[in-house]
N, C-alpha and C. Protein backbone atom coordinates (compact mmCIF):
# COMPACT_ATOMS: atom_id res chain seq x y z
N MET A 1 -5.86 73.81 -61.72
CA MET A 1 -5.56 72.49 -62.25
C MET A 1 -6.48 71.45 -61.60
N VAL A 2 -6.89 70.50 -62.38
CA VAL A 2 -7.77 69.43 -61.92
C VAL A 2 -6.98 68.51 -60.97
N THR A 3 -7.65 68.05 -59.93
CA THR A 3 -6.99 67.19 -58.95
C THR A 3 -7.35 65.72 -59.18
N ALA A 4 -6.60 64.84 -58.54
CA ALA A 4 -6.87 63.41 -58.63
C ALA A 4 -8.27 63.09 -58.08
N ALA A 5 -8.65 63.74 -57.00
CA ALA A 5 -9.97 63.50 -56.41
C ALA A 5 -11.08 63.92 -57.38
N GLN A 6 -10.88 65.02 -58.09
CA GLN A 6 -11.88 65.46 -59.07
C GLN A 6 -11.98 64.47 -60.22
N ILE A 7 -10.86 63.92 -60.63
CA ILE A 7 -10.88 62.95 -61.72
C ILE A 7 -11.63 61.69 -61.29
N ARG A 8 -11.36 61.21 -60.08
CA ARG A 8 -12.09 60.04 -59.57
C ARG A 8 -13.58 60.34 -59.48
N ALA A 9 -13.93 61.52 -58.98
CA ALA A 9 -15.33 61.90 -58.83
C ALA A 9 -16.02 62.03 -60.19
N ALA A 10 -15.34 62.61 -61.14
CA ALA A 10 -15.91 62.78 -62.48
C ALA A 10 -16.14 61.43 -63.14
N ARG A 11 -15.18 60.53 -62.98
CA ARG A 11 -15.31 59.20 -63.55
C ARG A 11 -16.49 58.47 -62.92
N ALA A 12 -16.65 58.61 -61.61
CA ALA A 12 -17.79 57.99 -60.91
C ALA A 12 -19.11 58.60 -61.37
N LEU A 13 -19.12 59.90 -61.54
CA LEU A 13 -20.33 60.60 -62.00
C LEU A 13 -20.79 60.06 -63.35
N LEU A 14 -19.84 59.77 -64.22
CA LEU A 14 -20.15 59.27 -65.55
C LEU A 14 -20.34 57.75 -65.58
N GLY A 15 -19.96 57.08 -64.51
CA GLY A 15 -20.05 55.63 -64.48
C GLY A 15 -19.00 54.95 -65.34
N TRP A 16 -17.87 55.61 -65.52
CA TRP A 16 -16.78 55.08 -66.36
C TRP A 16 -15.78 54.31 -65.53
N SER A 17 -15.26 53.26 -66.11
CA SER A 17 -14.14 52.54 -65.52
C SER A 17 -12.85 53.29 -65.86
N GLN A 18 -11.77 52.90 -65.24
CA GLN A 18 -10.49 53.50 -65.60
C GLN A 18 -10.16 53.20 -67.06
N GLN A 19 -10.52 52.01 -67.52
CA GLN A 19 -10.26 51.64 -68.91
C GLN A 19 -11.02 52.54 -69.87
N GLU A 20 -12.30 52.82 -69.56
CA GLU A 20 -13.09 53.70 -70.43
C GLU A 20 -12.49 55.10 -70.51
N LEU A 21 -12.08 55.63 -69.36
CA LEU A 21 -11.46 56.95 -69.35
C LEU A 21 -10.15 56.94 -70.13
N ALA A 22 -9.36 55.90 -69.94
CA ALA A 22 -8.09 55.79 -70.66
C ALA A 22 -8.33 55.76 -72.17
N ASP A 23 -9.34 55.00 -72.60
CA ASP A 23 -9.66 54.93 -74.03
C ASP A 23 -10.08 56.28 -74.58
N LYS A 24 -10.91 56.99 -73.84
CA LYS A 24 -11.42 58.29 -74.31
C LYS A 24 -10.34 59.38 -74.27
N ALA A 25 -9.41 59.27 -73.33
CA ALA A 25 -8.34 60.27 -73.21
C ALA A 25 -7.11 59.87 -74.03
N ILE A 26 -7.12 58.66 -74.56
CA ILE A 26 -6.00 58.12 -75.33
C ILE A 26 -4.71 58.13 -74.51
N VAL A 27 -4.83 57.55 -73.31
CA VAL A 27 -3.68 57.34 -72.43
C VAL A 27 -3.79 55.91 -71.90
N SER A 28 -2.76 55.43 -71.23
CA SER A 28 -2.79 54.06 -70.71
C SER A 28 -3.62 53.98 -69.43
N VAL A 29 -4.12 52.78 -69.15
CA VAL A 29 -4.85 52.55 -67.91
C VAL A 29 -3.91 52.76 -66.73
N ASN A 30 -2.65 52.35 -66.89
CA ASN A 30 -1.67 52.57 -65.81
C ASN A 30 -1.50 54.04 -65.51
N ALA A 31 -1.54 54.88 -66.54
CA ALA A 31 -1.42 56.33 -66.32
C ALA A 31 -2.61 56.85 -65.51
N ILE A 32 -3.81 56.38 -65.83
CA ILE A 32 -5.01 56.79 -65.09
C ILE A 32 -4.89 56.32 -63.64
N ASN A 33 -4.49 55.08 -63.45
CA ASN A 33 -4.36 54.52 -62.11
C ASN A 33 -3.36 55.31 -61.28
N ARG A 34 -2.20 55.58 -61.83
CA ARG A 34 -1.18 56.36 -61.11
C ARG A 34 -1.66 57.77 -60.83
N LEU A 35 -2.32 58.37 -61.82
CA LEU A 35 -2.82 59.74 -61.67
C LEU A 35 -3.83 59.81 -60.53
N GLU A 36 -4.77 58.87 -60.50
CA GLU A 36 -5.82 58.88 -59.47
C GLU A 36 -5.27 58.58 -58.07
N ARG A 37 -4.20 57.83 -57.99
CA ARG A 37 -3.60 57.51 -56.69
C ARG A 37 -2.51 58.49 -56.30
N GLU A 38 -2.23 59.44 -57.18
CA GLU A 38 -1.19 60.44 -56.93
C GLU A 38 0.14 59.79 -56.57
N GLN A 39 0.43 58.68 -57.22
CA GLN A 39 1.65 57.94 -56.92
C GLN A 39 2.89 58.59 -57.49
N VAL A 40 2.77 59.11 -58.68
CA VAL A 40 3.92 59.74 -59.32
C VAL A 40 3.50 61.08 -59.88
N ASP A 41 4.46 61.85 -60.23
CA ASP A 41 4.18 63.13 -60.88
C ASP A 41 3.78 62.85 -62.32
N SER A 42 2.51 62.87 -62.59
CA SER A 42 2.03 62.61 -63.95
C SER A 42 2.38 63.76 -64.87
N LYS A 43 2.52 63.43 -66.13
CA LYS A 43 2.82 64.45 -67.13
C LYS A 43 1.64 65.40 -67.27
N MET A 44 1.94 66.65 -67.53
CA MET A 44 0.89 67.64 -67.74
C MET A 44 0.03 67.25 -68.93
N SER A 45 0.61 66.64 -69.94
CA SER A 45 -0.15 66.22 -71.12
C SER A 45 -1.18 65.15 -70.75
N THR A 46 -0.86 64.28 -69.79
CA THR A 46 -1.81 63.27 -69.34
C THR A 46 -2.97 63.93 -68.62
N PHE A 47 -2.68 64.84 -67.70
CA PHE A 47 -3.73 65.57 -67.00
C PHE A 47 -4.64 66.29 -68.01
N SER A 48 -4.03 66.94 -68.97
CA SER A 48 -4.80 67.70 -69.97
C SER A 48 -5.69 66.79 -70.80
N ALA A 49 -5.16 65.66 -71.23
CA ALA A 49 -5.94 64.71 -72.05
C ALA A 49 -7.12 64.17 -71.26
N VAL A 50 -6.89 63.85 -70.00
CA VAL A 50 -7.95 63.33 -69.14
C VAL A 50 -9.01 64.40 -68.89
N GLU A 51 -8.56 65.60 -68.58
CA GLU A 51 -9.49 66.71 -68.33
C GLU A 51 -10.36 66.97 -69.56
N ARG A 52 -9.76 67.01 -70.74
CA ARG A 52 -10.52 67.25 -71.98
C ARG A 52 -11.55 66.14 -72.23
N ALA A 53 -11.16 64.90 -72.01
CA ALA A 53 -12.07 63.77 -72.23
C ALA A 53 -13.28 63.87 -71.31
N LEU A 54 -13.04 64.21 -70.06
CA LEU A 54 -14.14 64.34 -69.10
C LEU A 54 -15.02 65.55 -69.43
N GLN A 55 -14.43 66.64 -69.85
CA GLN A 55 -15.21 67.82 -70.23
C GLN A 55 -16.07 67.54 -71.46
N ARG A 56 -15.54 66.80 -72.43
CA ARG A 56 -16.32 66.44 -73.62
C ARG A 56 -17.54 65.61 -73.24
N ALA A 57 -17.42 64.85 -72.15
CA ALA A 57 -18.52 64.02 -71.69
C ALA A 57 -19.54 64.80 -70.86
N GLY A 58 -19.24 66.07 -70.60
CA GLY A 58 -20.19 66.92 -69.89
C GLY A 58 -19.86 67.24 -68.46
N VAL A 59 -18.66 66.94 -68.04
CA VAL A 59 -18.24 67.22 -66.67
C VAL A 59 -17.66 68.63 -66.60
N GLU A 60 -18.07 69.36 -65.57
CA GLU A 60 -17.49 70.67 -65.29
C GLU A 60 -16.73 70.57 -63.97
N PHE A 61 -15.52 71.07 -63.97
CA PHE A 61 -14.69 71.04 -62.77
C PHE A 61 -14.87 72.35 -62.01
N ILE A 62 -15.15 72.24 -60.74
CA ILE A 62 -15.37 73.40 -59.89
C ILE A 62 -14.10 73.63 -59.06
N PRO A 63 -13.46 74.78 -59.22
CA PRO A 63 -12.23 75.05 -58.47
C PRO A 63 -12.49 75.23 -56.97
N ALA A 64 -11.47 74.97 -56.18
CA ALA A 64 -11.59 75.08 -54.72
C ALA A 64 -11.98 76.49 -54.29
N ALA A 65 -11.59 77.49 -55.04
CA ALA A 65 -11.90 78.87 -54.69
C ALA A 65 -13.40 79.17 -54.75
N GLU A 66 -14.14 78.36 -55.47
CA GLU A 66 -15.59 78.55 -55.59
C GLU A 66 -16.34 77.58 -54.69
N LYS A 67 -16.50 77.89 -53.46
CA LYS A 67 -17.28 77.09 -52.52
C LYS A 67 -16.78 75.66 -52.38
N GLY A 68 -15.54 75.40 -52.63
CA GLY A 68 -14.98 74.07 -52.47
C GLY A 68 -14.83 73.32 -53.78
N GLU A 69 -13.79 72.56 -53.87
CA GLU A 69 -13.46 71.79 -55.06
C GLU A 69 -14.51 70.72 -55.34
N GLY A 70 -14.81 70.51 -56.62
CA GLY A 70 -15.78 69.47 -56.96
C GLY A 70 -15.96 69.31 -58.46
N VAL A 71 -16.98 68.54 -58.81
CA VAL A 71 -17.35 68.31 -60.21
C VAL A 71 -18.87 68.32 -60.30
N ARG A 72 -19.35 68.60 -61.49
CA ARG A 72 -20.80 68.49 -61.72
C ARG A 72 -21.02 68.15 -63.18
N PHE A 73 -22.19 67.56 -63.43
CA PHE A 73 -22.55 67.16 -64.79
C PHE A 73 -23.31 68.31 -65.43
N VAL A 74 -22.84 68.76 -66.57
CA VAL A 74 -23.45 69.92 -67.24
C VAL A 74 -24.26 69.50 -68.45
N ARG A 75 -23.70 68.64 -69.28
CA ARG A 75 -24.39 68.22 -70.50
C ARG A 75 -23.84 66.88 -70.96
N ALA A 76 -24.55 66.25 -71.84
CA ALA A 76 -24.11 64.94 -72.36
C ALA A 76 -23.75 65.04 -73.83
N ASP A 77 -22.51 64.68 -74.16
CA ASP A 77 -22.07 64.59 -75.55
C ASP A 77 -21.72 63.15 -75.88
N ARG A 78 -22.37 62.24 -75.20
CA ARG A 78 -22.02 60.83 -75.38
C ARG A 78 -22.67 60.28 -76.56
């Protein structure tokens, strides 16, 4: 599962604001903000929508089991 740190890193990699990510994932900015701060237990559907939006933009999520958790830019579909 994608972590809050990976979402923040992916958004930074793309140069997106929280509003841009919210628009592309079709979720509220408040949901993105809470998700990134790990304030509440976000819905799985929110995590999934955010993950899909970032993947469509070319972000690949690297699991912790593979040399440490992270993100990288693979391709641009912008």
